[in-house]
N, C-alpha and C. Protein backbone atom coordinates (compact mmCIF):
# COMPACT_ATOMS: atom_id res chain seq x y z
N MET A 1 -17.16 -4.10 -19.45
CA MET A 1 -17.68 -4.56 -20.74
C MET A 1 -17.92 -6.07 -20.68
N ASN A 2 -19.01 -6.50 -21.25
CA ASN A 2 -19.33 -7.91 -21.29
C ASN A 2 -18.61 -8.56 -22.47
N ILE A 3 -17.61 -9.38 -22.18
CA ILE A 3 -16.83 -10.04 -23.22
C ILE A 3 -17.59 -11.27 -23.73
N VAL A 4 -17.71 -11.37 -25.06
CA VAL A 4 -18.45 -12.45 -25.70
C VAL A 4 -17.46 -13.38 -26.40
N PRO A 5 -17.64 -14.70 -26.28
CA PRO A 5 -16.73 -15.62 -26.96
C PRO A 5 -16.82 -15.51 -28.48
N PHE A 6 -15.72 -15.83 -29.14
CA PHE A 6 -15.63 -15.92 -30.60
C PHE A 6 -15.92 -14.59 -31.29
N GLU A 7 -15.39 -13.53 -30.71
CA GLU A 7 -15.46 -12.21 -31.32
C GLU A 7 -14.07 -11.59 -31.31
N ILE A 8 -13.88 -10.58 -32.17
CA ILE A 8 -12.60 -9.88 -32.24
C ILE A 8 -12.72 -8.56 -31.49
N TYR A 9 -11.74 -8.30 -30.62
CA TYR A 9 -11.72 -7.06 -29.84
C TYR A 9 -10.38 -6.36 -30.02
N HIS A 10 -10.45 -5.05 -30.08
CA HIS A 10 -9.25 -4.22 -30.00
C HIS A 10 -9.11 -3.82 -28.54
N ILE A 11 -8.02 -4.25 -27.92
CA ILE A 11 -7.79 -3.97 -26.49
C ILE A 11 -6.56 -3.09 -26.39
N TYR A 12 -6.67 -2.03 -25.62
CA TYR A 12 -5.60 -1.04 -25.57
C TYR A 12 -5.59 -0.32 -24.22
N ASN A 13 -4.46 0.27 -23.92
CA ASN A 13 -4.35 1.15 -22.76
C ASN A 13 -3.07 1.97 -22.90
N GLN A 14 -2.95 2.99 -22.06
CA GLN A 14 -1.76 3.85 -22.10
C GLN A 14 -1.27 4.15 -20.70
N GLY A 15 -0.11 4.71 -20.64
CA GLY A 15 0.46 5.08 -19.35
C GLY A 15 -0.37 6.17 -18.68
N ASN A 16 -0.40 6.15 -17.37
CA ASN A 16 -1.10 7.18 -16.62
C ASN A 16 -0.51 8.55 -16.97
N ASN A 17 -1.39 9.49 -17.32
CA ASN A 17 -0.94 10.81 -17.79
C ASN A 17 0.00 10.71 -19.00
N LYS A 18 -0.20 9.64 -19.77
CA LYS A 18 0.58 9.39 -20.99
C LYS A 18 2.08 9.22 -20.73
N GLU A 19 2.43 8.84 -19.50
CA GLU A 19 3.85 8.66 -19.21
C GLU A 19 4.35 7.36 -19.83
N LEU A 20 5.67 7.22 -19.91
CA LEU A 20 6.28 6.05 -20.53
C LEU A 20 5.92 4.77 -19.79
N LEU A 21 5.73 3.72 -20.59
CA LEU A 21 5.56 2.37 -20.04
C LEU A 21 6.83 1.56 -20.22
N PHE A 22 7.53 1.84 -21.32
CA PHE A 22 8.71 1.06 -21.69
C PHE A 22 9.91 1.99 -21.82
N TYR A 23 10.99 1.65 -21.12
CA TYR A 23 12.17 2.51 -21.09
C TYR A 23 13.34 1.93 -21.89
N GLU A 24 13.35 0.62 -22.06
CA GLU A 24 14.42 -0.03 -22.81
C GLU A 24 13.93 -1.36 -23.36
N ASN A 25 14.73 -2.00 -24.18
CA ASN A 25 14.34 -3.27 -24.81
C ASN A 25 13.82 -4.28 -23.82
N LEU A 26 14.52 -4.44 -22.71
CA LEU A 26 14.15 -5.45 -21.72
C LEU A 26 12.72 -5.26 -21.21
N ASP A 27 12.25 -4.03 -21.17
CA ASP A 27 10.89 -3.75 -20.67
C ASP A 27 9.84 -4.31 -21.63
N TYR A 28 10.05 -4.11 -22.91
CA TYR A 28 9.12 -4.67 -23.90
C TYR A 28 9.07 -6.19 -23.79
N PHE A 29 10.25 -6.79 -23.63
CA PHE A 29 10.32 -8.26 -23.54
C PHE A 29 9.64 -8.76 -22.27
N GLU A 30 9.80 -8.04 -21.19
CA GLU A 30 9.16 -8.43 -19.93
C GLU A 30 7.64 -8.34 -20.04
N PHE A 31 7.15 -7.31 -20.69
CA PHE A 31 5.70 -7.15 -20.87
C PHE A 31 5.13 -8.32 -21.67
N ILE A 32 5.82 -8.70 -22.75
CA ILE A 32 5.36 -9.83 -23.57
C ILE A 32 5.47 -11.13 -22.79
N ARG A 33 6.51 -11.28 -22.00
CA ARG A 33 6.65 -12.49 -21.17
C ARG A 33 5.48 -12.62 -20.21
N LEU A 34 5.11 -11.51 -19.57
CA LEU A 34 3.97 -11.51 -18.64
C LEU A 34 2.66 -11.75 -19.40
N PHE A 35 2.54 -11.15 -20.59
CA PHE A 35 1.34 -11.35 -21.40
C PHE A 35 1.16 -12.83 -21.72
N ARG A 36 2.25 -13.48 -22.12
CA ARG A 36 2.17 -14.90 -22.45
C ARG A 36 1.68 -15.73 -21.25
N ARG A 37 2.11 -15.35 -20.08
CA ARG A 37 1.75 -16.12 -18.89
C ARG A 37 0.34 -15.82 -18.39
N LEU A 38 -0.07 -14.54 -18.48
CA LEU A 38 -1.30 -14.11 -17.81
C LEU A 38 -2.51 -13.94 -18.71
N VAL A 39 -2.29 -13.63 -19.99
CA VAL A 39 -3.41 -13.35 -20.91
C VAL A 39 -3.52 -14.40 -22.01
N PHE A 40 -2.40 -14.76 -22.57
CA PHE A 40 -2.35 -15.65 -23.72
C PHE A 40 -3.12 -16.98 -23.56
N PRO A 41 -3.13 -17.58 -22.36
CA PRO A 41 -3.84 -18.86 -22.21
C PRO A 41 -5.35 -18.79 -22.44
N CYS A 42 -5.94 -17.58 -22.41
CA CYS A 42 -7.40 -17.52 -22.52
C CYS A 42 -7.89 -16.81 -23.79
N CYS A 43 -7.01 -16.64 -24.79
CA CYS A 43 -7.45 -15.97 -26.02
C CYS A 43 -6.49 -16.29 -27.15
N LYS A 44 -6.81 -15.80 -28.34
CA LYS A 44 -5.91 -15.88 -29.49
C LYS A 44 -5.51 -14.46 -29.87
N VAL A 45 -4.28 -14.26 -30.25
CA VAL A 45 -3.78 -12.94 -30.62
C VAL A 45 -3.70 -12.85 -32.14
N LEU A 46 -4.32 -11.81 -32.70
CA LEU A 46 -4.31 -11.60 -34.15
C LEU A 46 -3.26 -10.57 -34.57
N SER A 47 -3.00 -9.59 -33.72
CA SER A 47 -1.90 -8.65 -33.96
C SER A 47 -1.68 -7.84 -32.69
N TYR A 48 -0.51 -7.19 -32.62
CA TYR A 48 -0.23 -6.34 -31.46
C TYR A 48 0.83 -5.31 -31.83
N CYS A 49 0.88 -4.26 -31.05
CA CYS A 49 1.95 -3.27 -31.16
C CYS A 49 2.15 -2.64 -29.79
N LEU A 50 3.38 -2.66 -29.32
CA LEU A 50 3.74 -1.98 -28.08
C LEU A 50 4.44 -0.68 -28.43
N MET A 51 3.91 0.42 -27.93
CA MET A 51 4.47 1.74 -28.17
C MET A 51 5.08 2.25 -26.86
N PRO A 52 5.94 3.26 -26.90
CA PRO A 52 6.59 3.70 -25.66
C PRO A 52 5.63 4.00 -24.51
N ASN A 53 4.44 4.56 -24.82
CA ASN A 53 3.53 4.91 -23.72
C ASN A 53 2.14 4.29 -23.84
N HIS A 54 1.96 3.32 -24.75
CA HIS A 54 0.68 2.62 -24.83
C HIS A 54 0.83 1.29 -25.56
N PHE A 55 -0.23 0.49 -25.55
CA PHE A 55 -0.20 -0.79 -26.25
C PHE A 55 -1.52 -1.06 -26.95
N HIS A 56 -1.44 -1.89 -28.00
CA HIS A 56 -2.62 -2.34 -28.75
C HIS A 56 -2.55 -3.85 -28.93
N PHE A 57 -3.68 -4.53 -28.75
CA PHE A 57 -3.80 -5.94 -29.09
C PHE A 57 -5.10 -6.14 -29.86
N LEU A 58 -5.04 -6.94 -30.91
CA LEU A 58 -6.25 -7.39 -31.58
C LEU A 58 -6.43 -8.84 -31.15
N ILE A 59 -7.50 -9.09 -30.42
CA ILE A 59 -7.71 -10.36 -29.72
C ILE A 59 -8.94 -11.08 -30.28
N TYR A 60 -8.84 -12.38 -30.42
CA TYR A 60 -10.00 -13.22 -30.72
C TYR A 60 -10.34 -13.99 -29.46
N THR A 61 -11.55 -13.82 -28.98
CA THR A 61 -11.92 -14.44 -27.70
C THR A 61 -12.34 -15.90 -27.87
N LEU A 62 -12.14 -16.66 -26.82
CA LEU A 62 -12.54 -18.06 -26.73
C LEU A 62 -13.60 -18.20 -25.63
N GLU A 63 -14.12 -19.38 -25.46
CA GLU A 63 -15.06 -19.60 -24.35
C GLU A 63 -14.41 -19.26 -23.03
N LYS A 64 -13.13 -19.64 -22.90
CA LYS A 64 -12.39 -19.38 -21.66
C LYS A 64 -12.28 -17.89 -21.37
N SER A 65 -12.19 -17.07 -22.43
CA SER A 65 -12.05 -15.62 -22.26
C SER A 65 -13.20 -15.04 -21.45
N ALA A 66 -14.41 -15.57 -21.69
CA ALA A 66 -15.62 -15.01 -21.08
C ALA A 66 -16.02 -15.71 -19.79
N GLU A 67 -15.27 -16.74 -19.39
CA GLU A 67 -15.61 -17.46 -18.15
C GLU A 67 -15.56 -16.51 -16.96
N SER A 68 -16.59 -16.62 -16.13
CA SER A 68 -16.70 -15.74 -14.98
C SER A 68 -15.66 -16.09 -13.92
N LYS A 69 -15.12 -15.05 -13.31
CA LYS A 69 -14.10 -15.25 -12.28
C LYS A 69 -14.31 -14.21 -11.19
N ARG A 70 -14.30 -14.65 -9.95
CA ARG A 70 -14.48 -13.72 -8.84
C ARG A 70 -13.11 -13.32 -8.30
N VAL A 71 -12.85 -12.02 -8.30
CA VAL A 71 -11.59 -11.48 -7.79
C VAL A 71 -11.93 -10.55 -6.63
N GLY A 72 -11.72 -11.03 -5.42
CA GLY A 72 -12.14 -10.26 -4.24
C GLY A 72 -13.65 -10.14 -4.24
N ASN A 73 -14.13 -8.91 -4.23
CA ASN A 73 -15.57 -8.68 -4.27
C ASN A 73 -16.10 -8.40 -5.67
N ILE A 74 -15.22 -8.49 -6.66
CA ILE A 74 -15.59 -8.14 -8.02
C ILE A 74 -15.75 -9.38 -8.89
N GLN A 75 -16.84 -9.42 -9.64
CA GLN A 75 -17.07 -10.49 -10.60
C GLN A 75 -16.47 -10.04 -11.94
N SER A 76 -15.59 -10.82 -12.47
CA SER A 76 -14.89 -10.46 -13.70
C SER A 76 -14.93 -11.64 -14.67
N CYS A 77 -14.19 -11.54 -15.75
CA CYS A 77 -14.04 -12.68 -16.65
C CYS A 77 -12.55 -12.94 -16.81
N GLU A 78 -12.22 -14.10 -17.36
CA GLU A 78 -10.82 -14.50 -17.46
C GLU A 78 -9.97 -13.50 -18.25
N LEU A 79 -10.52 -12.98 -19.35
CA LEU A 79 -9.75 -12.04 -20.17
C LEU A 79 -9.51 -10.73 -19.43
N SER A 80 -10.55 -10.20 -18.81
CA SER A 80 -10.41 -8.95 -18.04
C SER A 80 -9.41 -9.13 -16.91
N ASN A 81 -9.54 -10.26 -16.20
CA ASN A 81 -8.63 -10.52 -15.09
C ASN A 81 -7.20 -10.69 -15.57
N GLY A 82 -7.04 -11.32 -16.75
CA GLY A 82 -5.71 -11.49 -17.30
C GLY A 82 -5.03 -10.16 -17.59
N PHE A 83 -5.76 -9.23 -18.19
CA PHE A 83 -5.19 -7.91 -18.47
C PHE A 83 -4.95 -7.12 -17.19
N TRP A 84 -5.82 -7.30 -16.20
CA TRP A 84 -5.60 -6.62 -14.92
C TRP A 84 -4.32 -7.12 -14.26
N LEU A 85 -4.13 -8.45 -14.27
CA LEU A 85 -2.92 -9.03 -13.69
C LEU A 85 -1.67 -8.61 -14.48
N LEU A 86 -1.81 -8.54 -15.80
CA LEU A 86 -0.69 -8.11 -16.64
C LEU A 86 -0.24 -6.71 -16.26
N GLN A 87 -1.20 -5.79 -16.20
CA GLN A 87 -0.86 -4.39 -15.87
C GLN A 87 -0.31 -4.28 -14.46
N SER A 88 -0.90 -5.00 -13.53
CA SER A 88 -0.46 -4.95 -12.14
C SER A 88 0.96 -5.51 -12.00
N SER A 89 1.20 -6.66 -12.62
CA SER A 89 2.52 -7.29 -12.54
C SER A 89 3.59 -6.46 -13.22
N TYR A 90 3.24 -5.89 -14.37
CA TYR A 90 4.22 -5.08 -15.09
C TYR A 90 4.51 -3.78 -14.33
N ALA A 91 3.48 -3.19 -13.72
CA ALA A 91 3.68 -1.97 -12.93
C ALA A 91 4.61 -2.24 -11.75
N GLN A 92 4.46 -3.40 -11.13
CA GLN A 92 5.36 -3.77 -10.02
C GLN A 92 6.80 -3.88 -10.51
N TYR A 93 6.96 -4.46 -11.68
CA TYR A 93 8.30 -4.61 -12.28
C TYR A 93 8.93 -3.24 -12.53
N ILE A 94 8.18 -2.32 -13.14
CA ILE A 94 8.70 -0.98 -13.44
C ILE A 94 8.94 -0.19 -12.14
N ASN A 95 8.00 -0.26 -11.21
CA ASN A 95 8.16 0.48 -9.96
C ASN A 95 9.41 0.04 -9.20
N LYS A 96 9.65 -1.25 -9.19
CA LYS A 96 10.85 -1.77 -8.51
C LYS A 96 12.11 -1.33 -9.26
N LYS A 97 12.06 -1.42 -10.57
CA LYS A 97 13.21 -1.09 -11.39
C LYS A 97 13.59 0.38 -11.27
N LEU A 98 12.58 1.26 -11.26
CA LEU A 98 12.84 2.70 -11.26
C LEU A 98 12.69 3.34 -9.87
N ASN A 99 12.41 2.50 -8.89
CA ASN A 99 12.20 2.99 -7.52
C ASN A 99 11.11 4.07 -7.50
N ARG A 100 9.99 3.76 -8.19
CA ARG A 100 8.87 4.69 -8.25
C ARG A 100 7.67 4.08 -7.54
N THR A 101 6.65 4.92 -7.31
CA THR A 101 5.41 4.44 -6.70
C THR A 101 4.23 5.01 -7.49
N GLY A 102 3.05 4.46 -7.24
CA GLY A 102 1.86 4.99 -7.88
C GLY A 102 1.46 4.23 -9.12
N SER A 103 0.36 4.68 -9.73
CA SER A 103 -0.20 4.01 -10.89
C SER A 103 0.71 4.20 -12.11
N LEU A 104 0.83 3.14 -12.87
CA LEU A 104 1.60 3.21 -14.12
C LEU A 104 0.65 3.34 -15.31
N PHE A 105 -0.48 2.61 -15.26
CA PHE A 105 -1.45 2.61 -16.35
C PHE A 105 -2.67 3.45 -16.01
N ARG A 106 -3.42 3.81 -17.03
CA ARG A 106 -4.72 4.45 -16.84
C ARG A 106 -5.74 3.36 -16.48
N GLN A 107 -6.15 3.32 -15.24
CA GLN A 107 -7.17 2.40 -14.76
C GLN A 107 -7.11 1.05 -15.46
N LYS A 108 -8.27 0.58 -15.93
CA LYS A 108 -8.33 -0.70 -16.62
C LYS A 108 -8.08 -0.50 -18.12
N ALA A 109 -7.65 -1.59 -18.77
CA ALA A 109 -7.55 -1.56 -20.22
C ALA A 109 -8.94 -1.39 -20.82
N LYS A 110 -9.00 -0.89 -22.05
CA LYS A 110 -10.29 -0.71 -22.72
C LYS A 110 -10.40 -1.66 -23.90
N ALA A 111 -11.63 -1.98 -24.26
CA ALA A 111 -11.88 -2.90 -25.36
C ALA A 111 -12.98 -2.36 -26.26
N LYS A 112 -12.80 -2.57 -27.57
CA LYS A 112 -13.84 -2.26 -28.55
C LYS A 112 -14.09 -3.52 -29.36
N SER A 113 -15.35 -3.86 -29.51
CA SER A 113 -15.70 -5.00 -30.35
C SER A 113 -15.54 -4.60 -31.81
N MET A 114 -14.84 -5.43 -32.56
CA MET A 114 -14.63 -5.15 -33.99
C MET A 114 -15.77 -5.70 -34.84
N THR A 115 -16.80 -6.23 -34.21
CA THR A 115 -17.96 -6.70 -34.97
C THR A 115 -18.99 -5.58 -35.11
N ASP A 116 -18.76 -4.47 -34.42
CA ASP A 116 -19.66 -3.32 -34.53
C ASP A 116 -19.26 -2.47 -35.73
N GLY A 117 -20.10 -2.42 -36.73
CA GLY A 117 -19.82 -1.54 -37.85
C GLY A 117 -19.42 -2.27 -39.12
N ASP A 118 -18.64 -1.58 -39.93
CA ASP A 118 -18.25 -2.04 -41.26
C ASP A 118 -17.50 -3.38 -41.20
N VAL A 119 -17.73 -4.23 -42.19
CA VAL A 119 -17.08 -5.54 -42.23
C VAL A 119 -15.57 -5.42 -42.42
N HIS A 120 -15.11 -4.25 -42.90
CA HIS A 120 -13.67 -4.06 -43.12
C HIS A 120 -12.94 -3.59 -41.85
N TYR A 121 -13.68 -3.29 -40.80
CA TYR A 121 -13.07 -2.77 -39.57
C TYR A 121 -11.92 -3.65 -39.09
N GLN A 122 -12.15 -4.95 -39.10
CA GLN A 122 -11.16 -5.86 -38.52
C GLN A 122 -9.83 -5.82 -39.25
N PHE A 123 -9.89 -5.82 -40.58
CA PHE A 123 -8.66 -5.79 -41.36
C PHE A 123 -7.98 -4.43 -41.26
N VAL A 124 -8.78 -3.36 -41.27
CA VAL A 124 -8.22 -2.01 -41.12
C VAL A 124 -7.55 -1.87 -39.76
N ALA A 125 -8.19 -2.38 -38.71
CA ALA A 125 -7.60 -2.34 -37.36
C ALA A 125 -6.29 -3.11 -37.34
N PHE A 126 -6.27 -4.26 -37.98
CA PHE A 126 -5.08 -5.11 -38.08
C PHE A 126 -3.91 -4.34 -38.69
N LEU A 127 -4.17 -3.63 -39.80
CA LEU A 127 -3.13 -2.86 -40.47
C LEU A 127 -2.75 -1.61 -39.68
N TYR A 128 -3.76 -0.92 -39.16
CA TYR A 128 -3.54 0.36 -38.48
C TYR A 128 -2.69 0.19 -37.22
N ILE A 129 -2.93 -0.90 -36.51
CA ILE A 129 -2.14 -1.20 -35.30
C ILE A 129 -0.65 -1.27 -35.66
N HIS A 130 -0.35 -1.93 -36.77
CA HIS A 130 1.05 -2.05 -37.19
C HIS A 130 1.65 -0.72 -37.66
N GLN A 131 0.80 0.18 -38.15
CA GLN A 131 1.29 1.46 -38.66
C GLN A 131 1.60 2.49 -37.57
N ASN A 132 1.21 2.18 -36.34
CA ASN A 132 1.39 3.13 -35.23
C ASN A 132 2.79 3.73 -35.12
N PRO A 133 3.85 2.93 -35.14
CA PRO A 133 5.20 3.51 -34.97
C PRO A 133 5.58 4.49 -36.08
N VAL A 134 5.10 4.25 -37.31
CA VAL A 134 5.39 5.17 -38.42
C VAL A 134 4.60 6.46 -38.24
N LYS A 135 3.33 6.33 -37.87
CA LYS A 135 2.49 7.51 -37.66
C LYS A 135 3.04 8.38 -36.52
N ALA A 136 3.65 7.72 -35.53
CA ALA A 136 4.24 8.46 -34.39
C ALA A 136 5.65 8.93 -34.69
N ARG A 137 6.14 8.63 -35.91
CA ARG A 137 7.47 9.04 -36.36
C ARG A 137 8.60 8.46 -35.51
N LEU A 138 8.36 7.27 -35.01
CA LEU A 138 9.41 6.57 -34.26
C LEU A 138 10.37 5.86 -35.21
N VAL A 139 9.83 5.45 -36.36
CA VAL A 139 10.62 4.83 -37.41
C VAL A 139 10.10 5.30 -38.77
N GLU A 140 10.91 5.11 -39.80
CA GLU A 140 10.46 5.47 -41.16
C GLU A 140 9.74 4.31 -41.83
N LYS A 141 10.17 3.10 -41.52
CA LYS A 141 9.57 1.91 -42.11
C LYS A 141 8.95 1.04 -41.01
N ILE A 142 7.80 0.45 -41.31
CA ILE A 142 7.10 -0.37 -40.31
C ILE A 142 7.99 -1.49 -39.80
N GLU A 143 8.76 -2.10 -40.71
CA GLU A 143 9.58 -3.26 -40.32
C GLU A 143 10.72 -2.90 -39.39
N ASP A 144 11.01 -1.60 -39.23
CA ASP A 144 12.09 -1.18 -38.33
C ASP A 144 11.67 -1.14 -36.86
N TRP A 145 10.37 -1.33 -36.58
CA TRP A 145 9.88 -1.33 -35.20
C TRP A 145 9.75 -2.79 -34.73
N PRO A 146 10.60 -3.21 -33.80
CA PRO A 146 10.61 -4.63 -33.42
C PRO A 146 9.53 -5.05 -32.43
N TYR A 147 8.79 -4.08 -31.89
CA TYR A 147 7.84 -4.40 -30.81
C TYR A 147 6.40 -4.51 -31.31
N SER A 148 6.24 -5.07 -32.50
CA SER A 148 4.90 -5.32 -33.02
C SER A 148 4.92 -6.64 -33.77
N SER A 149 3.75 -7.09 -34.16
CA SER A 149 3.65 -8.37 -34.87
C SER A 149 3.88 -8.22 -36.37
N PHE A 150 4.11 -7.00 -36.84
CA PHE A 150 4.32 -6.81 -38.28
C PHE A 150 5.45 -7.69 -38.79
N VAL A 151 6.57 -7.70 -38.09
CA VAL A 151 7.74 -8.45 -38.57
C VAL A 151 7.46 -9.95 -38.64
N ASP A 152 6.54 -10.43 -37.79
CA ASP A 152 6.16 -11.85 -37.84
C ASP A 152 5.31 -12.14 -39.07
N PHE A 153 4.31 -11.29 -39.30
CA PHE A 153 3.42 -11.50 -40.45
C PHE A 153 4.16 -11.28 -41.77
N ALA A 154 5.18 -10.43 -41.74
CA ALA A 154 5.96 -10.16 -42.95
C ALA A 154 7.00 -11.25 -43.22
N GLY A 155 7.12 -12.20 -42.30
CA GLY A 155 8.08 -13.29 -42.46
C GLY A 155 9.51 -12.91 -42.12
N LEU A 156 9.67 -11.81 -41.37
CA LEU A 156 11.01 -11.34 -41.00
C LEU A 156 11.45 -11.84 -39.63
N ARG A 157 10.53 -12.49 -38.92
CA ARG A 157 10.81 -13.04 -37.60
C ARG A 157 9.84 -14.21 -37.38
N ASN A 158 10.28 -15.20 -36.63
CA ASN A 158 9.43 -16.37 -36.39
C ASN A 158 8.73 -16.29 -35.04
N GLY A 159 8.00 -15.20 -34.82
CA GLY A 159 7.28 -15.04 -33.56
C GLY A 159 6.12 -16.02 -33.46
N THR A 160 5.79 -16.40 -32.24
CA THR A 160 4.73 -17.39 -32.01
C THR A 160 3.54 -16.83 -31.23
N LEU A 161 3.52 -15.52 -31.01
CA LEU A 161 2.43 -14.95 -30.22
C LEU A 161 1.13 -14.88 -31.02
N CYS A 162 1.22 -14.53 -32.30
CA CYS A 162 0.03 -14.36 -33.13
C CYS A 162 -0.32 -15.64 -33.88
N ASP A 163 -1.60 -15.83 -34.07
CA ASP A 163 -2.10 -16.99 -34.82
C ASP A 163 -2.33 -16.55 -36.27
N LYS A 164 -1.35 -16.83 -37.12
CA LYS A 164 -1.41 -16.38 -38.51
C LYS A 164 -2.55 -17.06 -39.28
N LEU A 165 -2.76 -18.33 -39.04
CA LEU A 165 -3.82 -19.06 -39.74
C LEU A 165 -5.18 -18.49 -39.39
N LEU A 166 -5.36 -18.12 -38.12
CA LEU A 166 -6.63 -17.53 -37.69
C LEU A 166 -6.80 -16.14 -38.29
N ALA A 167 -5.71 -15.39 -38.37
CA ALA A 167 -5.76 -14.05 -38.98
C ALA A 167 -6.12 -14.16 -40.45
N GLU A 168 -5.63 -15.20 -41.11
CA GLU A 168 -5.96 -15.44 -42.51
C GLU A 168 -7.45 -15.77 -42.66
N LYS A 169 -7.95 -16.59 -41.77
CA LYS A 169 -9.34 -17.04 -41.83
C LYS A 169 -10.33 -15.94 -41.45
N LEU A 170 -10.01 -15.18 -40.39
CA LEU A 170 -10.98 -14.24 -39.83
C LEU A 170 -10.92 -12.84 -40.43
N ILE A 171 -9.72 -12.38 -40.78
CA ILE A 171 -9.62 -10.97 -41.18
C ILE A 171 -8.99 -10.75 -42.55
N GLY A 172 -8.68 -11.82 -43.25
CA GLY A 172 -8.19 -11.66 -44.62
C GLY A 172 -6.71 -11.42 -44.78
N TYR A 173 -5.91 -11.78 -43.75
CA TYR A 173 -4.46 -11.67 -43.90
C TYR A 173 -4.00 -12.58 -45.04
N ASP A 174 -3.20 -12.02 -45.94
CA ASP A 174 -2.66 -12.76 -47.08
C ASP A 174 -1.16 -12.47 -47.12
N LYS A 175 -0.36 -13.49 -46.82
CA LYS A 175 1.08 -13.26 -46.70
C LYS A 175 1.71 -12.73 -48.00
N ASN A 176 1.10 -13.05 -49.13
CA ASN A 176 1.65 -12.59 -50.41
C ASN A 176 1.42 -11.10 -50.67
N ASN A 177 0.36 -10.56 -50.08
CA ASN A 177 0.04 -9.14 -50.30
C ASN A 177 0.20 -8.29 -49.04
N PHE A 178 0.62 -8.92 -47.96
CA PHE A 178 0.60 -8.25 -46.66
C PHE A 178 1.46 -6.99 -46.61
N ILE A 179 2.69 -7.06 -47.09
CA ILE A 179 3.59 -5.90 -47.00
C ILE A 179 3.04 -4.74 -47.83
N GLY A 180 2.57 -5.03 -49.02
CA GLY A 180 1.99 -3.98 -49.87
C GLY A 180 0.77 -3.35 -49.23
N GLU A 181 -0.12 -4.18 -48.67
CA GLU A 181 -1.33 -3.68 -48.01
C GLU A 181 -0.96 -2.82 -46.80
N SER A 182 0.06 -3.24 -46.08
CA SER A 182 0.45 -2.56 -44.84
C SER A 182 1.01 -1.17 -45.08
N CYS A 183 1.54 -0.95 -46.28
CA CYS A 183 2.15 0.35 -46.59
C CYS A 183 1.16 1.34 -47.17
N LYS A 184 -0.06 0.90 -47.44
CA LYS A 184 -1.07 1.80 -47.99
C LYS A 184 -1.58 2.75 -46.91
N THR A 185 -1.90 3.95 -47.31
CA THR A 185 -2.47 4.93 -46.38
C THR A 185 -3.92 4.54 -46.08
N ILE A 186 -4.23 4.47 -44.81
CA ILE A 186 -5.58 4.12 -44.39
C ILE A 186 -6.43 5.39 -44.33
N ASN A 187 -7.61 5.31 -44.87
CA ASN A 187 -8.54 6.44 -44.85
C ASN A 187 -8.75 6.91 -43.41
N GLU A 188 -8.43 8.18 -43.14
CA GLU A 188 -8.48 8.68 -41.77
C GLU A 188 -9.90 8.69 -41.20
N ASP A 189 -10.89 8.94 -42.04
CA ASP A 189 -12.27 8.92 -41.56
C ASP A 189 -12.65 7.53 -41.07
N LEU A 190 -12.24 6.51 -41.82
CA LEU A 190 -12.51 5.14 -41.41
C LEU A 190 -11.73 4.80 -40.14
N ALA A 191 -10.47 5.24 -40.08
CA ALA A 191 -9.65 4.98 -38.89
C ALA A 191 -10.26 5.63 -37.66
N LYS A 192 -10.78 6.85 -37.82
CA LYS A 192 -11.41 7.54 -36.69
C LYS A 192 -12.64 6.81 -36.20
N ARG A 193 -13.43 6.27 -37.15
CA ARG A 193 -14.64 5.54 -36.77
C ARG A 193 -14.27 4.30 -35.95
N ILE A 194 -13.13 3.71 -36.28
CA ILE A 194 -12.71 2.50 -35.58
C ILE A 194 -12.01 2.82 -34.26
N PHE A 195 -11.05 3.73 -34.31
CA PHE A 195 -10.17 3.93 -33.18
C PHE A 195 -10.57 5.07 -32.24
N HIS A 196 -11.36 6.01 -32.71
CA HIS A 196 -11.73 7.13 -31.85
C HIS A 196 -13.09 6.89 -31.18
N LYS A 197 -13.76 5.82 -31.61
CA LYS A 197 -14.99 5.43 -30.95
C LYS A 197 -14.63 4.94 -29.56
N LYS A 198 -15.33 5.43 -28.58
CA LYS A 198 -14.95 5.16 -27.20
C LYS A 198 -15.05 3.68 -26.86
N GLY A 199 -14.00 3.16 -26.26
CA GLY A 199 -14.01 1.78 -25.81
C GLY A 199 -14.56 1.67 -24.39
N HIS A 200 -14.78 0.45 -23.96
CA HIS A 200 -15.32 0.21 -22.62
C HIS A 200 -14.25 -0.49 -21.78
N HIS A 201 -14.23 -0.19 -20.49
CA HIS A 201 -13.31 -0.88 -19.60
C HIS A 201 -13.61 -2.38 -19.59
N ILE A 202 -12.56 -3.17 -19.55
CA ILE A 202 -12.76 -4.61 -19.43
C ILE A 202 -12.30 -5.08 -18.05
């Protein structure tokens, strides 16, 4: 996929054959640590959620995100290469930890541009990403899942991964109404148009 600067993308991937990516707390923290080192320098994060067998990021791209980079014989961009390095490094960590071999993730991460379609897509994606753990019945309340940016936007944790001011400017995040908005049921037809539309490899 051709990454364009100054656009919002939903970037996601899952475990190979839907197998687990995260086995304990330390694994989630290691993934975020690697993300900060390998992906964070070339983009802005608007929201994220790590699930036991997949992940979601809502990313705002910068000029650096789209800068061309040659990796071996492949021409890539900084953002694509960052996610490739993230998955590769994290897979090495899990393989060593569990004494396993083989692919951990499904090929490359996928990306969908949130500028395609309805103007509300971006805010719906922002909320829907946070609702994942409740929809998967991992927790009853969104705030009980510690591996997403919900607790940061809700003011329950002082996380620094997401750019709250940018989320306010670009997608309509309002700290005064955020918790109420987050608990509303999202129209499934709209969610399907956003999330079931096929993404492209990055």
